[in-house]
């Protein structure tokens, strides 16, 4: 039994250890200079954080909470869409989105209900 375990477990442990040792190198750029990852990765993470912050800010705003506005963020630019009851709600949504850190621009695609 012990010989059987040594025969199959030891190669498996060696294979797993080899894999774990080699994985950190998979995230390296071709030049291996230690430069930070491309800006696109940082921007995508920032956009996700901005989306969450804008959604949270809209939900805490009394007039906008029930509207269910959609928020999309690309390269720190926020696009708001959905339906509002009034122009004042549209303007409030824009002001709230602009107030979130790292937002560079807000595009308004909110329509007013008729």
N, C-alpha and C. Protein backbone atom coordinates (compact mmCIF):
# COMPACT_ATOMS: atom_id res chain seq x y z
N UNK A 1 0.82 -1.19 0.00
CA UNK A 1 0.00 0.00 0.00
C UNK A 1 0.87 1.26 0.00
N UNK A 2 1.88 1.29 0.87
CA UNK A 2 2.78 2.44 0.95
C UNK A 2 3.51 2.63 -0.36
N UNK A 3 3.96 1.55 -0.94
CA UNK A 3 4.67 1.64 -2.22
C UNK A 3 3.74 2.17 -3.31
N UNK A 4 2.47 1.78 -3.26
CA UNK A 4 1.50 2.25 -4.23
C UNK A 4 1.26 3.75 -4.07
N UNK A 5 1.13 4.21 -2.83
CA UNK A 5 0.96 5.65 -2.59
C UNK A 5 2.16 6.45 -3.06
N UNK A 6 3.36 5.95 -2.75
CA UNK A 6 4.57 6.64 -3.19
C UNK A 6 4.63 6.72 -4.71
N UNK A 7 4.18 5.65 -5.35
CA UNK A 7 4.26 5.59 -6.80
C UNK A 7 3.34 6.62 -7.47
N UNK A 8 2.15 6.85 -6.92
CA UNK A 8 1.18 7.73 -7.57
C UNK A 8 1.10 9.12 -6.94
N UNK A 9 1.28 9.25 -5.65
CA UNK A 9 1.14 10.54 -4.98
C UNK A 9 2.34 11.43 -5.23
N UNK A 10 3.54 10.85 -5.14
CA UNK A 10 4.74 11.66 -5.30
C UNK A 10 4.79 12.37 -6.66
N UNK A 11 4.55 11.70 -7.78
CA UNK A 11 4.55 12.41 -9.07
C UNK A 11 3.45 13.49 -9.14
N UNK A 12 2.31 13.21 -8.51
CA UNK A 12 1.23 14.21 -8.51
C UNK A 12 1.62 15.45 -7.74
N UNK A 13 2.27 15.26 -6.61
CA UNK A 13 2.74 16.40 -5.79
C UNK A 13 3.78 17.19 -6.56
N UNK A 14 4.70 16.49 -7.21
CA UNK A 14 5.72 17.17 -8.01
C UNK A 14 5.07 17.97 -9.14
N UNK A 15 4.07 17.40 -9.80
CA UNK A 15 3.40 18.10 -10.90
C UNK A 15 2.68 19.35 -10.39
N UNK A 16 2.00 19.24 -9.26
CA UNK A 16 1.29 20.40 -8.70
C UNK A 16 2.27 21.48 -8.29
N UNK A 17 3.35 21.11 -7.63
CA UNK A 17 4.37 22.09 -7.21
C UNK A 17 4.99 22.78 -8.42
N UNK A 18 5.28 22.03 -9.46
CA UNK A 18 5.84 22.61 -10.68
C UNK A 18 4.86 23.62 -11.29
N UNK A 19 3.59 23.26 -11.32
CA UNK A 19 2.58 24.16 -11.86
C UNK A 19 2.49 25.44 -11.03
N UNK A 20 2.47 25.31 -9.72
CA UNK A 20 2.37 26.49 -8.85
C UNK A 20 3.58 27.40 -8.98
N UNK A 21 4.76 26.82 -9.14
CA UNK A 21 5.97 27.62 -9.29
C UNK A 21 5.97 28.35 -10.63
N UNK A 22 5.41 27.75 -11.66
CA UNK A 22 5.45 28.37 -12.99
C UNK A 22 4.33 29.37 -13.24
N UNK A 23 3.25 29.34 -12.46
CA UNK A 23 2.11 30.23 -12.70
C UNK A 23 2.44 31.72 -12.59
N UNK A 24 3.23 32.16 -11.62
CA UNK A 24 3.49 33.61 -11.55
C UNK A 24 4.10 34.17 -12.83
N UNK A 25 4.82 33.37 -13.57
CA UNK A 25 5.40 33.84 -14.82
C UNK A 25 4.40 34.01 -15.95
N UNK A 26 3.19 33.46 -15.80
CA UNK A 26 2.20 33.54 -16.86
C UNK A 26 1.64 34.95 -17.03
N UNK A 27 1.78 35.77 -16.04
CA UNK A 27 1.20 37.12 -16.09
C UNK A 27 2.22 38.16 -16.54
N UNK A 28 3.36 37.73 -17.02
CA UNK A 28 4.42 38.66 -17.41
C UNK A 28 4.25 39.11 -18.85
N UNK A 29 4.69 40.34 -19.12
CA UNK A 29 4.70 40.83 -20.49
C UNK A 29 5.90 40.23 -21.21
N UNK A 30 5.94 40.36 -22.52
CA UNK A 30 7.01 39.76 -23.30
C UNK A 30 8.38 40.30 -22.92
N UNK A 31 8.46 41.62 -22.59
CA UNK A 31 9.77 42.18 -22.32
C UNK A 31 10.27 41.89 -20.91
N UNK A 32 9.40 41.41 -20.03
CA UNK A 32 9.76 41.02 -18.66
C UNK A 32 10.49 42.13 -17.91
N UNK A 33 10.18 43.38 -18.19
CA UNK A 33 10.87 44.49 -17.54
C UNK A 33 10.24 44.89 -16.22
N UNK A 34 9.13 44.31 -15.89
CA UNK A 34 8.47 44.67 -14.65
C UNK A 34 7.56 45.87 -14.80
N UNK A 35 7.28 46.25 -16.04
CA UNK A 35 6.36 47.37 -16.26
C UNK A 35 4.98 47.00 -15.76
N UNK A 36 4.18 47.99 -15.34
CA UNK A 36 2.83 47.67 -14.89
C UNK A 36 1.98 47.12 -16.03
N UNK A 37 0.87 46.44 -15.69
CA UNK A 37 0.01 45.90 -16.74
C UNK A 37 -0.54 47.01 -17.62
N UNK A 38 -1.04 46.66 -18.79
CA UNK A 38 -1.57 47.68 -19.69
C UNK A 38 -2.67 48.50 -19.02
N UNK A 39 -2.81 49.73 -19.47
CA UNK A 39 -3.79 50.64 -18.90
C UNK A 39 -5.20 50.10 -19.03
N UNK A 40 -5.48 49.31 -20.04
CA UNK A 40 -6.83 48.78 -20.26
C UNK A 40 -7.32 47.98 -19.06
N UNK A 41 -6.43 47.25 -18.40
CA UNK A 41 -6.82 46.47 -17.23
C UNK A 41 -7.21 47.41 -16.10
N UNK A 42 -6.37 48.42 -15.85
CA UNK A 42 -6.67 49.39 -14.80
C UNK A 42 -7.96 50.13 -15.08
N UNK A 43 -8.18 50.50 -16.33
CA UNK A 43 -9.39 51.23 -16.70
C UNK A 43 -10.63 50.37 -16.52
N UNK A 44 -10.54 49.11 -16.87
CA UNK A 44 -11.69 48.22 -16.71
C UNK A 44 -12.06 48.08 -15.24
N UNK A 45 -11.07 47.96 -14.39
CA UNK A 45 -11.32 47.87 -12.95
C UNK A 45 -11.91 49.17 -12.45
N UNK A 46 -11.33 50.30 -12.86
CA UNK A 46 -11.87 51.60 -12.48
C UNK A 46 -13.31 51.76 -12.93
N UNK A 47 -13.60 51.35 -14.16
CA UNK A 47 -14.96 51.45 -14.68
C UNK A 47 -15.94 50.64 -13.85
N UNK A 48 -15.53 49.47 -13.43
CA UNK A 48 -16.41 48.64 -12.59
C UNK A 48 -16.66 49.31 -11.24
N UNK A 49 -15.63 49.90 -10.68
CA UNK A 49 -15.78 50.60 -9.40
C UNK A 49 -16.67 51.82 -9.57
N UNK A 50 -16.46 52.56 -10.65
CA UNK A 50 -17.29 53.74 -10.92
C UNK A 50 -18.74 53.33 -11.10
N UNK A 51 -18.99 52.25 -11.83
CA UNK A 51 -20.36 51.77 -12.03
C UNK A 51 -21.03 51.50 -10.68
N UNK A 52 -20.33 50.81 -9.81
CA UNK A 52 -20.89 50.50 -8.49
C UNK A 52 -21.15 51.77 -7.69
N UNK A 53 -20.23 52.72 -7.75
CA UNK A 53 -20.40 53.96 -6.99
C UNK A 53 -21.55 54.81 -7.52
N UNK A 54 -21.68 54.89 -8.85
CA UNK A 54 -22.78 55.67 -9.43
C UNK A 54 -24.11 55.02 -9.08
N UNK A 55 -24.19 53.70 -9.21
CA UNK A 55 -25.43 52.99 -8.85
C UNK A 55 -25.79 53.23 -7.39
N UNK A 56 -24.81 53.17 -6.52
CA UNK A 56 -25.07 53.40 -5.09
C UNK A 56 -25.52 54.83 -4.85
N UNK A 57 -24.90 55.78 -5.53
CA UNK A 57 -25.27 57.19 -5.35
C UNK A 57 -26.69 57.44 -5.87
N UNK A 58 -27.04 56.82 -6.98
CA UNK A 58 -28.40 56.99 -7.52
C UNK A 58 -29.44 56.37 -6.58
N UNK A 59 -29.09 55.23 -5.97
CA UNK A 59 -30.02 54.56 -5.07
C UNK A 59 -30.23 55.33 -3.77
N UNK A 60 -29.23 56.08 -3.37
CA UNK A 60 -29.37 56.86 -2.12
C UNK A 60 -30.01 58.21 -2.37
N UNK A 61 -30.16 58.59 -3.62
CA UNK A 61 -30.83 59.85 -3.95
C UNK A 61 -32.33 59.59 -3.94
N UNK A 62 -33.04 60.28 -3.10
CA UNK A 62 -34.47 60.03 -2.90
C UNK A 62 -35.31 60.02 -4.15
N UNK A 63 -35.15 61.01 -5.03
CA UNK A 63 -35.98 61.12 -6.22
C UNK A 63 -35.65 60.06 -7.28
N UNK A 64 -34.45 59.55 -7.26
CA UNK A 64 -34.00 58.67 -8.35
C UNK A 64 -34.06 57.19 -7.98
N UNK A 65 -34.24 56.89 -6.72
CA UNK A 65 -34.17 55.51 -6.25
C UNK A 65 -35.15 54.59 -6.98
N UNK A 66 -36.34 55.05 -7.21
CA UNK A 66 -37.37 54.19 -7.80
C UNK A 66 -37.34 54.15 -9.33
N UNK A 67 -36.49 54.95 -9.95
CA UNK A 67 -36.47 55.01 -11.42
C UNK A 67 -35.76 53.81 -12.06
N UNK A 68 -34.80 53.24 -11.37
CA UNK A 68 -34.07 52.12 -11.94
C UNK A 68 -33.27 52.49 -13.17
N UNK A 69 -32.55 53.60 -13.10
CA UNK A 69 -31.74 54.03 -14.23
C UNK A 69 -30.61 53.04 -14.50
N UNK A 70 -30.29 52.86 -15.76
CA UNK A 70 -29.18 51.99 -16.13
C UNK A 70 -27.91 52.84 -16.22
N UNK A 71 -26.82 52.24 -15.76
CA UNK A 71 -25.53 52.92 -15.74
C UNK A 71 -24.54 52.07 -16.51
N UNK A 72 -23.88 52.69 -17.48
CA UNK A 72 -22.79 52.04 -18.20
C UNK A 72 -21.59 52.96 -18.12
N UNK A 73 -20.42 52.37 -17.95
CA UNK A 73 -19.20 53.16 -17.84
C UNK A 73 -18.16 52.59 -18.78
N UNK A 74 -17.55 53.47 -19.55
CA UNK A 74 -16.45 53.07 -20.42
C UNK A 74 -15.41 54.18 -20.41
N UNK A 75 -14.19 53.83 -20.06
CA UNK A 75 -13.09 54.80 -19.97
C UNK A 75 -13.46 56.00 -19.10
N UNK A 76 -14.07 55.72 -17.97
CA UNK A 76 -14.46 56.73 -16.97
C UNK A 76 -15.60 57.63 -17.43
N UNK A 77 -16.21 57.33 -18.56
CA UNK A 77 -17.36 58.09 -19.05
C UNK A 77 -18.63 57.32 -18.73
N UNK A 78 -19.55 57.99 -18.01
CA UNK A 78 -20.78 57.37 -17.56
C UNK A 78 -21.90 57.67 -18.55
N UNK A 79 -22.66 56.64 -18.92
CA UNK A 79 -23.86 56.82 -19.74
C UNK A 79 -25.05 56.40 -18.90
N UNK A 80 -25.98 57.33 -18.72
CA UNK A 80 -27.21 57.05 -17.99
C UNK A 80 -28.35 56.85 -18.98
N UNK A 81 -29.17 55.84 -18.75
CA UNK A 81 -30.33 55.62 -19.60
C UNK A 81 -31.49 55.12 -18.76
N UNK A 82 -32.68 55.28 -19.32
CA UNK A 82 -33.89 54.86 -18.62
C UNK A 82 -34.96 55.93 -18.76
N UNK A 83 -35.94 55.86 -17.88
CA UNK A 83 -37.06 56.81 -17.91
C UNK A 83 -37.13 57.58 -16.61
N UNK A 84 -37.40 58.88 -16.73
CA UNK A 84 -37.57 59.75 -15.57
C UNK A 84 -38.94 60.41 -15.66
N UNK A 85 -39.43 60.88 -14.51
CA UNK A 85 -40.73 61.56 -14.47
C UNK A 85 -40.64 63.02 -14.87
N UNK A 86 -39.45 63.61 -14.71
CA UNK A 86 -39.32 65.05 -14.98
C UNK A 86 -37.90 65.40 -15.39
N UNK A 87 -37.77 66.60 -15.94
CA UNK A 87 -36.45 67.12 -16.32
C UNK A 87 -35.58 67.29 -15.08
N UNK A 88 -36.21 67.65 -13.98
CA UNK A 88 -35.46 67.83 -12.73
C UNK A 88 -34.80 66.52 -12.31
N UNK A 89 -35.48 65.40 -12.48
CA UNK A 89 -34.90 64.10 -12.14
C UNK A 89 -33.72 63.77 -13.06
N UNK A 90 -33.85 64.11 -14.31
CA UNK A 90 -32.76 63.89 -15.27
C UNK A 90 -31.53 64.69 -14.83
N UNK A 91 -31.74 65.96 -14.52
CA UNK A 91 -30.64 66.83 -14.11
C UNK A 91 -30.01 66.35 -12.80
N UNK A 92 -30.85 65.88 -11.88
CA UNK A 92 -30.32 65.35 -10.62
C UNK A 92 -29.46 64.12 -10.88
N UNK A 93 -29.92 63.24 -11.76
CA UNK A 93 -29.14 62.05 -12.09
C UNK A 93 -27.78 62.40 -12.66
N UNK A 94 -27.75 63.40 -13.52
CA UNK A 94 -26.48 63.83 -14.13
C UNK A 94 -25.55 64.40 -13.06
N UNK A 95 -26.10 65.24 -12.19
CA UNK A 95 -25.30 65.85 -11.12
C UNK A 95 -24.75 64.78 -10.18
N UNK A 96 -25.59 63.82 -9.83
CA UNK A 96 -25.16 62.73 -8.94
C UNK A 96 -24.03 61.94 -9.60
N UNK A 97 -24.17 61.59 -10.87
CA UNK A 97 -23.13 60.82 -11.57
C UNK A 97 -21.84 61.62 -11.69
N UNK A 98 -21.94 62.90 -11.98
CA UNK A 98 -20.74 63.74 -12.09
C UNK A 98 -20.02 63.88 -10.76
N UNK A 99 -20.76 63.71 -9.67
CA UNK A 99 -20.17 63.84 -8.34
C UNK A 99 -19.36 62.64 -7.90
N UNK A 100 -19.39 61.56 -8.66
CA UNK A 100 -18.64 60.37 -8.30
C UNK A 100 -17.19 60.55 -8.73
N UNK A 101 -16.29 60.17 -7.86
CA UNK A 101 -14.85 60.30 -8.10
C UNK A 101 -14.44 59.56 -9.37
N UNK A 102 -13.58 60.18 -10.17
CA UNK A 102 -12.97 59.65 -11.39
C UNK A 102 -13.90 59.64 -12.60
N UNK A 103 -15.11 60.18 -12.47
CA UNK A 103 -15.99 60.30 -13.64
C UNK A 103 -15.51 61.49 -14.46
N UNK A 104 -15.25 61.26 -15.75
CA UNK A 104 -14.76 62.33 -16.61
C UNK A 104 -15.87 63.01 -17.40
N UNK A 105 -16.95 62.28 -17.66
CA UNK A 105 -18.04 62.83 -18.47
C UNK A 105 -19.29 62.01 -18.20
N UNK A 106 -20.45 62.64 -18.36
CA UNK A 106 -21.72 61.94 -18.24
C UNK A 106 -22.52 62.16 -19.51
N UNK A 107 -22.93 61.06 -20.15
CA UNK A 107 -23.76 61.12 -21.35
C UNK A 107 -25.19 60.80 -20.92
N UNK A 108 -26.11 61.65 -21.30
CA UNK A 108 -27.51 61.51 -20.89
C UNK A 108 -28.33 60.85 -21.99
N UNK A 109 -28.84 59.66 -21.67
CA UNK A 109 -29.81 59.00 -22.56
C UNK A 109 -31.10 58.70 -21.80
N UNK A 110 -31.37 59.54 -20.81
CA UNK A 110 -32.59 59.38 -20.01
C UNK A 110 -33.73 60.08 -20.74
N UNK A 111 -34.84 59.39 -20.91
CA UNK A 111 -36.02 59.97 -21.53
C UNK A 111 -37.04 60.33 -20.44
N UNK A 112 -37.82 61.35 -20.73
CA UNK A 112 -38.84 61.78 -19.79
C UNK A 112 -40.16 61.11 -20.19
N UNK A 113 -40.83 60.52 -19.20
CA UNK A 113 -42.11 59.85 -19.46
C UNK A 113 -43.14 60.88 -19.93
N UNK A 114 -44.00 60.47 -20.85
CA UNK A 114 -45.02 61.37 -21.35
C UNK A 114 -46.39 61.01 -20.83
